[in-house]
Amino acid sequence: MEVALITYVLLFPAFLFCIEIGYRIAMRSMGRDAEVTEPEKVAATFVLTLLSLVLAFSLSAARDMYKERAQKILAEAQAIRAARVAIDDLDGELRKKGLALAISYVESKRAYNTALNNSTDPKPHFDKSGRILHEIRALCRSSSEEAEDPKVSKVLERLETVSEIGLERDVLVHAPQDKVAFSFLIIVAAIACFLVGHAHRTATKRSWWAGMLFAGVVSATMVLILDYSSPRGGLIRVDSADVLYEELRR
């Protein structure tokens, strides 16, 4: 959340500055009476079209990544629930110990989500959840009497699913953002703002709101792209699984 807001606070005045620079350079070098030449129109059209396309594709890609992360969060919670149900079907002391470890695992996943929300390092919680899964596996396999029990086999199978989905989700969480593409987007946006300011030289009365609207919309779109790329830590959050985690703690 803080990253998104800070990004907007930095980008919006920076783009306004680019518009102002373009206007002042145009006024100093050409004056208000100079007509807009055909090459200028072509360049402005090309840059603005390029900016629109890059913004659209970047927003679409970031949204797809966000949806994939959201699906993994819910899939992981559902896999944990299935494993919890399988453990609940075990007998005697094995069931009691397994349920206690399952609750500890849910607590570690909640702590993992909280770390992401607070933009802190979730790795200690991820490692802890991995150790708990290993303990549950070891507990099931150490029961020689239950070794061939289909209930135990079912638990082990579902634990593998939980582990796989958790690993896939963690990989998505730590997937590096494409800084080169985002930097290119900033450069194209800055050039577009410069050309918008440059075009204002022919206006009899300068329109401040038009420049502010352009800079504001471009900045907001870029912040939205960045926010979609932030796993659970941005303004757009995925908290649906927490309801299920709360249920699994009981």
Protein backbone atom coordinates (compact mmCIF):
# COMPACT_ATOMS: atom_id res chain seq x y z
CA MET A 1 0.00 0.00 0.00
CA GLU A 2 2.74 2.41 0.95
CA VAL A 3 4.71 1.56 -2.19
CA ALA A 4 1.72 2.36 -4.41
CA LEU A 5 1.03 5.69 -2.71
CA ILE A 6 4.68 6.72 -2.70
CA THR A 7 4.94 5.82 -6.39
CA TYR A 8 1.97 8.04 -7.22
CA VAL A 9 3.33 10.92 -5.14
CA LEU A 10 6.61 10.67 -7.05
CA LEU A 11 5.25 10.09 -10.57
CA PHE A 12 2.50 12.70 -10.67
CA PRO A 13 4.70 15.77 -9.99
CA ALA A 14 7.46 14.28 -12.15
CA PHE A 15 5.10 14.04 -15.14
CA LEU A 16 3.78 17.56 -14.45
CA PHE A 17 7.39 18.72 -14.49
CA CYS A 18 7.92 17.06 -17.88
CA ILE A 19 4.85 18.86 -19.23
CA GLU A 20 6.17 22.17 -17.91
CA ILE A 21 9.62 21.58 -19.40
CA GLY A 22 8.09 20.78 -22.78
CA TYR A 23 6.00 23.95 -22.68
CA ARG A 24 8.87 26.23 -21.67
CA ILE A 25 11.27 24.81 -24.25
CA ALA A 26 8.64 25.24 -26.97
CA MET A 27 7.91 28.83 -25.95
CA ARG A 28 11.58 29.73 -25.78
CA SER A 29 12.62 28.10 -29.06
CA MET A 30 9.50 28.62 -31.21
CA GLY A 31 7.10 31.02 -29.56
CA ARG A 32 3.32 30.90 -29.36
CA ASP A 33 2.72 31.74 -33.02
CA ALA A 34 4.73 28.82 -34.41
CA GLU A 35 2.51 26.24 -36.06
CA VAL A 36 2.67 22.58 -35.21
CA THR A 37 4.60 20.90 -38.01
CA GLU A 38 3.76 17.58 -39.56
CA PRO A 39 6.82 15.79 -38.09
CA GLU A 40 5.76 17.00 -34.63
CA LYS A 41 2.27 15.59 -35.14
CA VAL A 42 3.68 12.25 -36.30
CA ALA A 43 6.07 12.04 -33.35
CA ALA A 44 3.37 12.96 -30.83
CA THR A 45 0.91 10.49 -32.31
CA PHE A 46 3.51 7.71 -32.31
CA VAL A 47 4.59 8.28 -28.70
CA LEU A 48 1.03 8.61 -27.37
CA THR A 49 -0.05 5.47 -29.25
CA LEU A 50 2.99 3.60 -27.96
CA LEU A 51 2.23 4.76 -24.41
CA SER A 52 -1.37 3.57 -24.71
CA LEU A 53 -0.32 0.16 -25.99
CA VAL A 54 2.40 -0.35 -23.39
CA LEU A 55 0.06 0.73 -20.59
CA ALA A 56 -2.67 -1.62 -21.83
CA PHE A 57 -0.38 -4.63 -22.21
CA SER A 58 1.40 -3.99 -18.90
CA LEU A 59 -1.90 -3.63 -17.05
CA SER A 60 -3.26 -6.81 -18.64
CA ALA A 61 -0.12 -8.80 -17.76
CA ALA A 62 -0.07 -7.50 -14.18
CA ARG A 63 -3.76 -8.32 -13.75
CA ASP A 64 -3.23 -11.87 -15.05
CA MET A 65 -0.39 -12.35 -12.57
CA TYR A 66 -2.61 -11.03 -9.79
CA LYS A 67 -5.40 -13.46 -10.72
CA GLU A 68 -2.93 -16.36 -10.78
CA ARG A 69 -1.69 -15.46 -7.31
CA ALA A 70 -5.26 -15.16 -6.04
CA GLN A 71 -6.13 -18.59 -7.44
CA LYS A 72 -3.06 -20.12 -5.80
CA ILE A 73 -4.01 -18.61 -2.43
CA LEU A 74 -7.48 -20.14 -2.60
CA ALA A 75 -6.22 -23.44 -4.01
CA GLU A 76 -3.70 -23.71 -1.17
CA ALA A 77 -6.40 -23.04 1.44
CA GLN A 78 -8.64 -25.68 -0.12
CA ALA A 79 -5.78 -28.19 -0.19
CA ILE A 80 -5.08 -27.51 3.49
CA ARG A 81 -8.74 -28.09 4.28
CA ALA A 82 -8.73 -31.40 2.40
CA ALA A 83 -5.62 -32.52 4.29
CA ARG A 84 -7.21 -31.43 7.57
CA VAL A 85 -10.29 -33.53 6.83
CA ALA A 86 -8.11 -36.53 5.95
CA ILE A 87 -6.18 -36.20 9.23
CA ASP A 88 -9.46 -35.97 11.12
CA ASP A 89 -10.34 -39.44 9.77
CA LEU A 90 -7.29 -41.02 11.44
CA ASP A 91 -7.60 -43.01 14.62
CA GLY A 92 -6.42 -42.57 18.19
CA GLU A 93 -3.23 -40.77 19.12
CA LEU A 94 -2.20 -40.37 15.50
CA ARG A 95 -5.30 -38.27 14.84
CA LYS A 96 -4.73 -36.14 17.94
CA LYS A 97 -1.09 -35.35 17.13
CA GLY A 98 -1.86 -34.87 13.45
CA LEU A 99 -4.61 -32.34 14.16
CA ALA A 100 -2.35 -30.39 16.52
CA LEU A 101 0.33 -30.17 13.83
CA ALA A 102 -2.27 -29.23 11.21
CA ILE A 103 -3.43 -26.32 13.36
CA SER A 104 0.20 -25.23 13.78
CA TYR A 105 0.58 -25.36 10.00
CA VAL A 106 -2.47 -23.13 9.52
CA GLU A 107 -1.01 -20.66 12.04
CA SER A 108 2.25 -20.57 10.08
CA LYS A 109 0.34 -19.84 6.85
CA ARG A 110 -1.59 -17.03 8.52
CA ALA A 111 1.72 -15.60 9.72
CA TYR A 112 3.03 -15.95 6.15
CA ASN A 113 0.07 -13.93 4.83
CA THR A 114 0.50 -11.30 7.54
CA ALA A 115 4.16 -10.90 6.60
CA LEU A 116 3.16 -10.31 2.98
CA ASN A 117 0.53 -7.78 4.04
CA ASN A 118 3.13 -5.90 6.07
CA SER A 119 5.73 -6.15 3.27
CA THR A 120 8.12 -8.08 5.53
CA ASP A 121 10.10 -11.22 4.74
CA PRO A 122 7.76 -14.26 4.73
CA LYS A 123 10.60 -16.81 4.36
CA PRO A 124 10.83 -17.77 8.09
CA HIS A 125 7.12 -18.62 8.10
CA PHE A 126 7.43 -20.53 4.82
CA ASP A 127 10.32 -22.56 6.25
CA LYS A 128 8.35 -23.23 9.44
CA SER A 129 5.34 -24.49 7.49
CA GLY A 130 7.65 -26.81 5.54
CA ARG A 131 9.05 -28.26 8.77
CA ILE A 132 5.54 -28.84 10.12
CA LEU A 133 4.54 -30.72 6.96
CA HIS A 134 7.65 -32.85 7.35
CA GLU A 135 6.69 -33.62 10.95
CA ILE A 136 3.19 -34.71 9.92
CA ARG A 137 4.63 -36.98 7.21
CA ALA A 138 7.13 -38.46 9.65
CA LEU A 139 4.37 -39.02 12.20
CA CYS A 140 2.25 -40.91 9.70
CA ARG A 141 5.12 -42.99 8.34
CA SER A 142 6.44 -43.88 11.80
CA SER A 143 3.23 -45.66 12.67
CA SER A 144 4.12 -49.16 11.53
CA GLU A 145 0.67 -50.47 12.29
CA GLU A 146 -0.89 -47.80 10.10
CA ALA A 147 1.70 -48.04 7.31
CA GLU A 148 -0.63 -49.74 4.84
CA ASP A 149 -3.74 -48.01 6.10
CA PRO A 150 -5.53 -46.25 3.21
CA LYS A 151 -6.39 -43.40 5.59
CA VAL A 152 -2.68 -42.72 6.17
CA SER A 153 -1.97 -42.97 2.45
CA LYS A 154 -4.73 -40.44 1.81
CA VAL A 155 -3.22 -38.03 4.33
CA LEU A 156 0.23 -38.34 2.78
CA GLU A 157 -1.19 -37.78 -0.71
CA ARG A 158 -3.01 -34.63 0.35
CA LEU A 159 0.02 -33.34 2.21
CA GLU A 160 2.00 -33.62 -1.03
CA THR A 161 -0.66 -31.51 -2.75
CA VAL A 162 -0.46 -28.91 0.00
CA SER A 163 3.32 -28.82 -0.31
CA GLU A 164 3.28 -28.48 -4.10
CA ILE A 165 0.70 -25.69 -4.16
CA GLY A 166 2.47 -23.85 -1.32
CA LEU A 167 5.75 -23.99 -3.20
CA GLU A 168 4.12 -22.78 -6.43
CA ARG A 169 2.53 -19.88 -4.56
CA ASP A 170 5.81 -18.93 -2.91
CA VAL A 171 7.54 -18.91 -6.30
CA LEU A 172 4.88 -16.51 -7.62
CA VAL A 173 5.27 -14.31 -4.55
CA HIS A 174 9.00 -13.99 -5.10
CA ALA A 175 8.84 -13.72 -8.89
CA PRO A 176 10.86 -10.58 -9.72
CA GLN A 177 9.01 -7.69 -11.27
CA ASP A 178 10.09 -6.70 -14.76
CA LYS A 179 11.97 -3.56 -13.81
CA VAL A 180 13.21 -3.02 -17.36
CA ALA A 181 9.67 -2.92 -18.76
CA PHE A 182 8.46 -0.63 -15.97
CA SER A 183 11.43 1.70 -16.49
CA PHE A 184 10.70 1.78 -20.23
CA LEU A 185 7.09 2.64 -19.40
CA ILE A 186 8.20 5.56 -17.24
CA ILE A 187 10.48 6.85 -20.01
CA VAL A 188 7.73 6.66 -22.64
CA ALA A 189 5.28 8.39 -20.28
CA ALA A 190 7.80 11.16 -19.56
CA ILE A 191 8.35 11.74 -23.30
CA ALA A 192 4.58 11.79 -23.87
CA CYS A 193 4.17 14.38 -21.10
CA PHE A 194 6.94 16.46 -22.65
CA LEU A 195 5.13 16.41 -26.01
CA VAL A 196 1.83 17.35 -24.36
CA GLY A 197 3.51 20.39 -22.82
CA HIS A 198 5.22 21.15 -26.11
CA ALA A 199 1.86 21.20 -27.90
CA HIS A 200 0.45 23.73 -25.43
CA ARG A 201 2.51 26.50 -26.96
CA THR A 202 -0.10 27.14 -29.66
CA ALA A 203 -2.95 27.60 -27.16
CA THR A 204 -4.09 31.19 -26.62
CA LYS A 205 -4.77 30.31 -23.01
CA ARG A 206 -2.92 27.52 -21.29
CA SER A 207 -5.11 24.70 -19.94
CA TRP A 208 -3.67 23.54 -16.64
CA TRP A 209 -6.39 21.00 -15.97
CA ALA A 210 -5.66 19.14 -19.22
CA GLY A 211 -2.02 18.65 -18.29
CA MET A 212 -2.89 17.64 -14.73
CA LEU A 213 -5.53 15.20 -15.98
CA PHE A 214 -3.09 13.58 -18.40
CA ALA A 215 -0.34 13.27 -15.78
CA GLY A 216 -2.82 12.05 -13.17
CA VAL A 217 -4.36 9.34 -15.34
CA VAL A 218 -0.98 8.06 -16.54
CA SER A 219 0.39 8.04 -12.98
CA ALA A 220 -2.69 6.28 -11.62
CA THR A 221 -2.51 3.61 -14.33
CA MET A 222 1.16 2.95 -13.60
CA VAL A 223 0.43 2.72 -9.88
CA LEU A 224 -2.35 0.23 -10.64
CA ILE A 225 0.10 -1.87 -12.65
CA LEU A 226 2.58 -1.80 -9.78
CA ASP A 227 -0.14 -2.60 -7.26
CA TYR A 228 -1.37 -5.60 -9.23
CA SER A 229 2.23 -6.84 -9.19
CA SER A 230 2.40 -6.65 -5.38
CA PRO A 231 1.30 -9.98 -3.85
CA ARG A 232 -1.26 -9.10 -1.16
CA GLY A 233 0.83 -6.10 -0.08
CA GLY A 234 -0.84 -3.43 -2.19
CA LEU A 235 -4.15 -1.63 -2.21
CA ILE A 236 -5.74 -4.57 -4.04
CA ARG A 237 -5.73 -7.46 -1.57
CA VAL A 238 -6.65 -11.13 -1.62
CA ASP A 239 -7.91 -12.03 1.85
CA SER A 240 -10.60 -14.59 1.01
CA ALA A 241 -8.47 -17.50 2.23
CA ASP A 242 -8.18 -15.99 5.72
CA VAL A 243 -11.81 -16.90 6.40
CA LEU A 244 -11.01 -20.53 5.64
CA TYR A 245 -7.82 -20.37 7.71
CA GLU A 246 -9.86 -19.12 10.66
CA GLU A 247 -12.18 -22.11 10.26
CA LEU A 248 -9.26 -24.56 10.06
CA ARG A 249 -7.79 -23.29 13.33
CA ARG A 250 -10.75 -24.71 15.30
